[in-house]
Amino acid sequence: MIKGLFITGTDTGVGKTYVAAGIAKALRSAKIDVGVMKPVETGCRPRSGKLIPRDAEALIRAAAVRDPLSLVNPYRFQAPVAPSVAAQIERKTINPGKILRSFKTLSQRHRFMIVEGAGGIMVPLAQGYLFLDLAEALGLPVLIVARPGLGTINHTLLTIDALRSRRMMIAGIVINDGQGGQQGLAEATSPAVIEELSGVPIIGTIGHRSRAFGELVEHLKIQVNRLKVED
């Protein structure tokens, strides 16, 4: 069993949290102790004087953990922009070291960790520090969540190239059709093109309100074990 996953997207709004939560639930159903982390969340809504990180809370519910929110989500901001920009707007500083320490604490409590990024892998987390840098520092295999429609070939291949530039392990690609849209020509052909050009497998396609995450987890284990053998 791999020790965790870093989940990134080809863009914002592709369904990273939906996929991350689904995997967390599937692991919990398989009696695997899973911890979750959303290091930075922007676009949080204020409630009773506090910012509510909806993605982080969704992950906590999915994994049914009782870890402090300060560990699961060390940084949260109201502005719906890149974390480094949100921090600048609110005159705060994001310290990647704090995130890494929180991850270390959580990884000692749980058998498996799911860490969800914000937006895509090249989004700036702090000044001079990208989510790519964080994913590399965590040392986890990266799972890419992509849209099914037009434009996904370009976005996905660029994400793969960025990860390969650091020689990072790519666990695979999940196509998330979270909106339940009709399948057109782009949706029908893009996954095969991505696999052919990149050599990275599409390990699952998640449909609207899908519950087929158990099968996705099995495909993940097979793929990551294969990559470890090749490495």
Foldseek 3Di string as FASTA:
>chain_A
DFAEEEEFELFAPLCRLVLLLLLLLLCVVVVFQEDEAAAEEEQFDDDPNDTDRVSLVSNCVSNVDDDDPCLRYVYYANHPAFQQVRCVVVVHFDDLVSNVVSVVVVSVVGRYYYYYYGTGQQGANHVVHTVLNSCVVVQHAYEYEYELAPPRLVSVVVRLVSNVVSPHHHLAYEHEQQVQDDDDPSNVPRQVVSCVVRVGHHLYYAHHVRSPSNSSVVSSVVSVVVVVVVD
